[in-house]
Amino acid sequence: MGKRAWLAGGLSAAAGVAVWVGICALAHRREAWDSGLYFKFGIPLLTLVTFLAGFLEPDRPWRWGAAVAAAQIAVAFVKNPTGGLLPLGVILFGVLAVPAILTAYVGAFLARRLRPRAPSG
């Protein structure tokens, strides 16, 4: 993995952690998705971050949405390791990662269109 991929992955994972922890703290909830803030501000912010990550590193952009989901799964588990609904939560994180994955693909598409290509030959 190149420097751009590490940066895009780190940015996406850090955003996932920051959104989860920040909304939990602001809303005084154990899980961020128990607050409307997660859907009003968290998901849109994460899609913006993954769009930028996809633009930064357009190769396999699904990774940036997956990094968000994986980071949030890890934080949710650390905050509540005895959560009995963890398998269901993992599925829900996967569903909630879809917008982030799609916007990463949009960012990657734009990066490929806007960046000049190296001459072949």
N, C-alpha and C. Protein backbone atom coordinates (compact mmCIF):
# COMPACT_ATOMS: atom_id res chain seq x y z
N MET A 1 0.84 -1.18 0.00
CA MET A 1 0.00 0.00 0.00
C MET A 1 0.88 1.24 0.00
N GLY A 2 0.49 2.19 -0.83
CA GLY A 2 1.25 3.43 -0.92
C GLY A 2 0.85 4.43 0.14
N LYS A 3 1.54 5.56 0.12
CA LYS A 3 1.29 6.61 1.12
C LYS A 3 -0.14 7.14 1.04
N ARG A 4 -0.64 7.30 -0.16
CA ARG A 4 -2.02 7.81 -0.31
C ARG A 4 -3.03 6.83 0.26
N ALA A 5 -2.80 5.55 0.07
CA ALA A 5 -3.73 4.55 0.60
C ALA A 5 -3.71 4.55 2.13
N TRP A 6 -2.51 4.65 2.71
CA TRP A 6 -2.43 4.72 4.17
C TRP A 6 -3.12 5.96 4.69
N LEU A 7 -2.94 7.08 4.01
CA LEU A 7 -3.57 8.33 4.43
C LEU A 7 -5.09 8.23 4.33
N ALA A 8 -5.57 7.72 3.20
CA ALA A 8 -7.02 7.60 3.00
C ALA A 8 -7.63 6.64 4.02
N GLY A 9 -6.97 5.53 4.26
CA GLY A 9 -7.48 4.57 5.25
C GLY A 9 -7.44 5.12 6.66
N GLY A 10 -6.34 5.78 7.00
CA GLY A 10 -6.23 6.38 8.33
C GLY A 10 -7.26 7.48 8.56
N LEU A 11 -7.45 8.31 7.53
CA LEU A 11 -8.43 9.38 7.61
C LEU A 11 -9.84 8.81 7.79
N SER A 12 -10.15 7.78 7.04
CA SER A 12 -11.49 7.18 7.13
C SER A 12 -11.71 6.52 8.49
N ALA A 13 -10.74 5.76 8.96
CA ALA A 13 -10.87 5.11 10.26
C ALA A 13 -10.94 6.14 11.39
N ALA A 14 -10.10 7.16 11.32
CA ALA A 14 -10.12 8.20 12.36
C ALA A 14 -11.45 8.92 12.38
N ALA A 15 -12.01 9.19 11.21
CA ALA A 15 -13.32 9.84 11.15
C ALA A 15 -14.39 8.95 11.75
N GLY A 16 -14.33 7.66 11.47
CA GLY A 16 -15.29 6.73 12.06
C GLY A 16 -15.24 6.74 13.57
N VAL A 17 -14.04 6.70 14.12
CA VAL A 17 -13.88 6.74 15.57
C VAL A 17 -14.36 8.07 16.13
N ALA A 18 -13.94 9.17 15.50
CA ALA A 18 -14.29 10.50 16.00
C ALA A 18 -15.80 10.72 16.00
N VAL A 19 -16.46 10.30 14.93
CA VAL A 19 -17.91 10.47 14.85
C VAL A 19 -18.60 9.64 15.93
N TRP A 20 -18.19 8.38 16.09
CA TRP A 20 -18.84 7.51 17.08
C TRP A 20 -18.63 8.05 18.49
N VAL A 21 -17.39 8.33 18.84
CA VAL A 21 -17.08 8.79 20.19
C VAL A 21 -17.67 10.18 20.44
N GLY A 22 -17.55 11.06 19.45
CA GLY A 22 -18.06 12.41 19.61
C GLY A 22 -19.56 12.46 19.81
N ILE A 23 -20.29 11.72 19.01
CA ILE A 23 -21.75 11.73 19.14
C ILE A 23 -22.18 11.05 20.43
N CYS A 24 -21.51 9.98 20.81
CA CYS A 24 -21.81 9.35 22.11
C CYS A 24 -21.64 10.36 23.24
N ALA A 25 -20.57 11.13 23.19
CA ALA A 25 -20.30 12.10 24.25
C ALA A 25 -21.30 13.26 24.22
N LEU A 26 -21.56 13.79 23.03
CA LEU A 26 -22.49 14.92 22.92
C LEU A 26 -23.91 14.55 23.31
N ALA A 27 -24.34 13.38 22.91
CA ALA A 27 -25.72 12.96 23.13
C ALA A 27 -25.90 12.18 24.44
N HIS A 28 -24.80 11.89 25.12
CA HIS A 28 -24.85 11.10 26.35
C HIS A 28 -25.54 9.76 26.11
N ARG A 29 -25.10 9.09 25.06
CA ARG A 29 -25.63 7.77 24.70
C ARG A 29 -24.50 6.75 24.70
N ARG A 30 -24.84 5.51 24.92
CA ARG A 30 -23.84 4.45 24.88
C ARG A 30 -23.44 4.16 23.44
N GLU A 31 -24.39 4.26 22.53
CA GLU A 31 -24.14 4.00 21.11
C GLU A 31 -24.58 5.22 20.31
N ALA A 32 -23.75 5.62 19.38
CA ALA A 32 -24.00 6.85 18.62
C ALA A 32 -25.30 6.78 17.83
N TRP A 33 -25.64 5.62 17.31
CA TRP A 33 -26.84 5.55 16.48
C TRP A 33 -28.12 5.61 17.29
N ASP A 34 -28.01 5.67 18.60
CA ASP A 34 -29.18 5.90 19.45
C ASP A 34 -29.57 7.38 19.47
N SER A 35 -28.76 8.21 18.85
CA SER A 35 -29.04 9.64 18.78
C SER A 35 -29.32 10.04 17.33
N GLY A 36 -30.24 10.97 17.17
CA GLY A 36 -30.53 11.49 15.84
C GLY A 36 -29.34 12.22 15.23
N LEU A 37 -28.42 12.67 16.09
CA LEU A 37 -27.22 13.36 15.59
C LEU A 37 -26.40 12.46 14.66
N TYR A 38 -26.41 11.17 14.93
CA TYR A 38 -25.63 10.24 14.11
C TYR A 38 -26.12 10.26 12.66
N PHE A 39 -27.43 10.29 12.50
CA PHE A 39 -27.98 10.26 11.15
C PHE A 39 -28.04 11.65 10.50
N LYS A 40 -28.19 12.68 11.32
CA LYS A 40 -28.24 14.05 10.79
C LYS A 40 -26.86 14.58 10.42
N PHE A 41 -25.87 14.27 11.26
CA PHE A 41 -24.55 14.84 11.07
C PHE A 41 -23.45 13.80 10.87
N GLY A 42 -23.53 12.70 11.59
CA GLY A 42 -22.47 11.68 11.54
C GLY A 42 -22.33 11.02 10.18
N ILE A 43 -23.42 10.48 9.68
CA ILE A 43 -23.38 9.79 8.38
C ILE A 43 -22.99 10.76 7.26
N PRO A 44 -23.58 11.97 7.18
CA PRO A 44 -23.13 12.90 6.14
C PRO A 44 -21.65 13.26 6.25
N LEU A 45 -21.16 13.45 7.46
CA LEU A 45 -19.74 13.75 7.63
C LEU A 45 -18.87 12.59 7.17
N LEU A 46 -19.27 11.38 7.50
CA LEU A 46 -18.50 10.21 7.08
C LEU A 46 -18.52 10.03 5.57
N THR A 47 -19.64 10.33 4.94
CA THR A 47 -19.68 10.22 3.48
C THR A 47 -18.79 11.28 2.83
N LEU A 48 -18.71 12.45 3.42
CA LEU A 48 -17.80 13.48 2.91
C LEU A 48 -16.34 13.03 3.03
N VAL A 49 -16.00 12.46 4.17
CA VAL A 49 -14.63 11.98 4.39
C VAL A 49 -14.29 10.87 3.40
N THR A 50 -15.19 9.93 3.19
CA THR A 50 -14.88 8.83 2.27
C THR A 50 -14.87 9.30 0.81
N PHE A 51 -15.66 10.32 0.49
CA PHE A 51 -15.57 10.93 -0.83
C PHE A 51 -14.15 11.47 -1.04
N LEU A 52 -13.65 12.21 -0.05
CA LEU A 52 -12.30 12.77 -0.15
C LEU A 52 -11.25 11.66 -0.20
N ALA A 53 -11.45 10.60 0.58
CA ALA A 53 -10.51 9.48 0.57
C ALA A 53 -10.51 8.80 -0.79
N GLY A 54 -11.69 8.63 -1.39
CA GLY A 54 -11.78 8.04 -2.72
C GLY A 54 -11.12 8.92 -3.77
N PHE A 55 -11.23 10.22 -3.61
CA PHE A 55 -10.56 11.14 -4.53
C PHE A 55 -9.05 11.08 -4.35
N LEU A 56 -8.62 10.98 -3.10
CA LEU A 56 -7.19 10.93 -2.79
C LEU A 56 -6.55 9.64 -3.31
N GLU A 57 -7.23 8.52 -3.08
CA GLU A 57 -6.72 7.21 -3.50
C GLU A 57 -7.85 6.44 -4.17
N PRO A 58 -7.97 6.56 -5.50
CA PRO A 58 -9.10 5.97 -6.20
C PRO A 58 -9.03 4.46 -6.42
N ASP A 59 -7.93 3.83 -6.06
CA ASP A 59 -7.81 2.38 -6.24
C ASP A 59 -8.59 1.65 -5.15
N ARG A 60 -9.53 0.82 -5.53
CA ARG A 60 -10.38 0.05 -4.61
C ARG A 60 -11.02 0.92 -3.52
N PRO A 61 -11.85 1.88 -3.91
CA PRO A 61 -12.41 2.83 -2.95
C PRO A 61 -13.36 2.24 -1.91
N TRP A 62 -13.83 1.03 -2.11
CA TRP A 62 -14.70 0.39 -1.12
C TRP A 62 -14.00 0.31 0.24
N ARG A 63 -12.66 0.29 0.20
CA ARG A 63 -11.89 0.16 1.45
C ARG A 63 -12.15 1.31 2.41
N TRP A 64 -12.44 2.50 1.90
CA TRP A 64 -12.58 3.66 2.78
C TRP A 64 -13.89 3.61 3.54
N GLY A 65 -14.94 3.15 2.92
CA GLY A 65 -16.20 2.94 3.66
C GLY A 65 -16.09 1.78 4.63
N ALA A 66 -15.37 0.75 4.23
CA ALA A 66 -15.16 -0.39 5.13
C ALA A 66 -14.31 0.01 6.33
N ALA A 67 -13.35 0.91 6.13
CA ALA A 67 -12.52 1.38 7.24
C ALA A 67 -13.36 2.13 8.27
N VAL A 68 -14.30 2.93 7.80
CA VAL A 68 -15.21 3.64 8.70
C VAL A 68 -16.00 2.62 9.54
N ALA A 69 -16.58 1.64 8.87
CA ALA A 69 -17.40 0.64 9.57
C ALA A 69 -16.55 -0.16 10.55
N ALA A 70 -15.37 -0.60 10.12
CA ALA A 70 -14.51 -1.40 11.00
C ALA A 70 -14.10 -0.60 12.24
N ALA A 71 -13.78 0.67 12.05
CA ALA A 71 -13.38 1.50 13.19
C ALA A 71 -14.54 1.67 14.17
N GLN A 72 -15.73 1.86 13.64
CA GLN A 72 -16.88 2.03 14.52
C GLN A 72 -17.25 0.73 15.23
N ILE A 73 -17.09 -0.39 14.55
CA ILE A 73 -17.32 -1.68 15.21
C ILE A 73 -16.35 -1.85 16.37
N ALA A 74 -15.08 -1.53 16.13
CA ALA A 74 -14.07 -1.67 17.17
C ALA A 74 -14.38 -0.78 18.37
N VAL A 75 -14.75 0.47 18.12
CA VAL A 75 -15.06 1.39 19.22
C VAL A 75 -16.30 0.92 19.97
N ALA A 76 -17.32 0.51 19.25
CA ALA A 76 -18.54 0.04 19.91
C ALA A 76 -18.25 -1.18 20.79
N PHE A 77 -17.40 -2.07 20.31
CA PHE A 77 -17.06 -3.26 21.09
C PHE A 77 -16.24 -2.88 22.33
N VAL A 78 -15.29 -1.97 22.17
CA VAL A 78 -14.47 -1.54 23.31
C VAL A 78 -15.34 -0.86 24.37
N LYS A 79 -16.28 -0.05 23.93
CA LYS A 79 -17.16 0.65 24.88
C LYS A 79 -18.14 -0.29 25.56
N ASN A 80 -18.53 -1.37 24.89
CA ASN A 80 -19.53 -2.29 25.44
C ASN A 80 -19.20 -3.72 25.02
N PRO A 81 -18.17 -4.32 25.62
CA PRO A 81 -17.73 -5.65 25.18
C PRO A 81 -18.72 -6.77 25.46
N THR A 82 -19.68 -6.54 26.33
CA THR A 82 -20.65 -7.59 26.64
C THR A 82 -21.94 -7.43 25.85
N GLY A 83 -21.90 -6.58 24.83
CA GLY A 83 -23.10 -6.34 24.03
C GLY A 83 -23.61 -7.63 23.40
N GLY A 84 -24.79 -8.04 23.77
CA GLY A 84 -25.36 -9.29 23.26
C GLY A 84 -25.83 -9.19 21.83
N LEU A 85 -26.00 -7.99 21.35
CA LEU A 85 -26.49 -7.80 19.99
C LEU A 85 -25.36 -7.47 19.02
N LEU A 86 -24.13 -7.80 19.38
CA LEU A 86 -22.98 -7.46 18.53
C LEU A 86 -23.11 -8.02 17.11
N PRO A 87 -23.52 -9.27 16.91
CA PRO A 87 -23.65 -9.75 15.52
C PRO A 87 -24.65 -8.92 14.70
N LEU A 88 -25.75 -8.56 15.32
CA LEU A 88 -26.73 -7.71 14.63
C LEU A 88 -26.13 -6.33 14.37
N GLY A 89 -25.36 -5.82 15.32
CA GLY A 89 -24.70 -4.53 15.15
C GLY A 89 -23.72 -4.54 14.00
N VAL A 90 -22.99 -5.62 13.84
CA VAL A 90 -22.03 -5.72 12.73
C VAL A 90 -22.77 -5.66 11.40
N ILE A 91 -23.91 -6.33 11.32
CA ILE A 91 -24.71 -6.28 10.10
C ILE A 91 -25.21 -4.85 9.85
N LEU A 92 -25.67 -4.20 10.91
CA LEU A 92 -26.15 -2.83 10.76
C LEU A 92 -25.03 -1.89 10.35
N PHE A 93 -23.83 -2.06 10.91
CA PHE A 93 -22.69 -1.25 10.49
C PHE A 93 -22.42 -1.46 9.00
N GLY A 94 -22.55 -2.69 8.54
CA GLY A 94 -22.35 -2.96 7.12
C GLY A 94 -23.35 -2.23 6.25
N VAL A 95 -24.59 -2.21 6.67
CA VAL A 95 -25.63 -1.49 5.92
C VAL A 95 -25.36 0.01 5.96
N LEU A 96 -25.00 0.52 7.14
CA LEU A 96 -24.74 1.95 7.26
C LEU A 96 -23.47 2.39 6.53
N ALA A 97 -22.61 1.44 6.19
CA ALA A 97 -21.39 1.77 5.44
C ALA A 97 -21.66 1.96 3.95
N VAL A 98 -22.81 1.52 3.48
CA VAL A 98 -23.11 1.61 2.04
C VAL A 98 -23.02 3.04 1.51
N PRO A 99 -23.62 4.04 2.16
CA PRO A 99 -23.46 5.41 1.63
C PRO A 99 -22.00 5.86 1.59
N ALA A 100 -21.22 5.49 2.59
CA ALA A 100 -19.80 5.86 2.61
C ALA A 100 -19.04 5.18 1.48
N ILE A 101 -19.37 3.94 1.21
CA ILE A 101 -18.71 3.22 0.12
C ILE A 101 -19.10 3.84 -1.23
N LEU A 102 -20.38 4.15 -1.39
CA LEU A 102 -20.82 4.75 -2.65
C LEU A 102 -20.17 6.11 -2.90
N THR A 103 -20.07 6.94 -1.86
CA THR A 103 -19.44 8.24 -2.08
C THR A 103 -17.94 8.11 -2.30
N ALA A 104 -17.32 7.09 -1.74
CA ALA A 104 -15.90 6.85 -2.04
C ALA A 104 -15.74 6.51 -3.52
N TYR A 105 -16.67 5.74 -4.07
CA TYR A 105 -16.62 5.44 -5.50
C TYR A 105 -16.83 6.69 -6.35
N VAL A 106 -17.70 7.59 -5.89
CA VAL A 106 -17.90 8.85 -6.62
C VAL A 106 -16.61 9.68 -6.60
N GLY A 107 -15.98 9.76 -5.44
CA GLY A 107 -14.70 10.47 -5.34
C GLY A 107 -13.64 9.87 -6.24
N ALA A 108 -13.59 8.53 -6.28
CA ALA A 108 -12.62 7.84 -7.13
C ALA A 108 -12.91 8.10 -8.61
N PHE A 109 -14.18 8.10 -8.97
CA PHE A 109 -14.57 8.37 -10.36
C PHE A 109 -14.12 9.78 -10.77
N LEU A 110 -14.38 10.75 -9.90
CA LEU A 110 -13.98 12.12 -10.22
C LEU A 110 -12.46 12.26 -10.29
N ALA A 111 -11.76 11.58 -9.41
CA ALA A 111 -10.29 11.64 -9.44
C ALA A 111 -9.76 11.12 -10.77
N ARG A 112 -10.34 10.04 -11.25
CA ARG A 112 -9.89 9.47 -12.52
C ARG A 112 -10.21 10.39 -13.70
N ARG A 113 -11.32 11.10 -13.59
CA ARG A 113 -11.71 12.01 -14.67
C ARG A 113 -10.91 13.32 -14.68
N LEU A 114 -10.58 13.81 -13.50
CA LEU A 114 -9.96 15.13 -13.40
C LEU A 114 -8.44 15.10 -13.42
N ARG A 115 -7.84 14.01 -13.02
CA ARG A 115 -6.38 13.95 -13.01
C ARG A 115 -5.87 13.61 -14.39
N PRO A 116 -4.81 14.28 -14.79
CA PRO A 116 -4.24 13.97 -16.11
C PRO A 116 -3.60 12.57 -16.09
N ARG A 117 -3.74 11.90 -17.18
CA ARG A 117 -3.16 10.56 -17.30
C ARG A 117 -1.75 10.65 -17.83
N ALA A 118 -0.94 9.73 -17.37
CA ALA A 118 0.43 9.66 -17.86
C ALA A 118 0.40 9.16 -19.30
N PRO A 119 1.22 9.74 -20.16
CA PRO A 119 1.24 9.28 -21.56
C PRO A 119 1.75 7.84 -21.65
N SER A 120 1.09 7.05 -22.47
CA SER A 120 1.53 5.66 -22.64
C SER A 120 2.43 5.58 -23.87
N GLY A 121 3.32 4.67 -23.78
CA GLY A 121 4.11 4.53 -24.99
C GLY A 121 5.48 4.28 -24.76
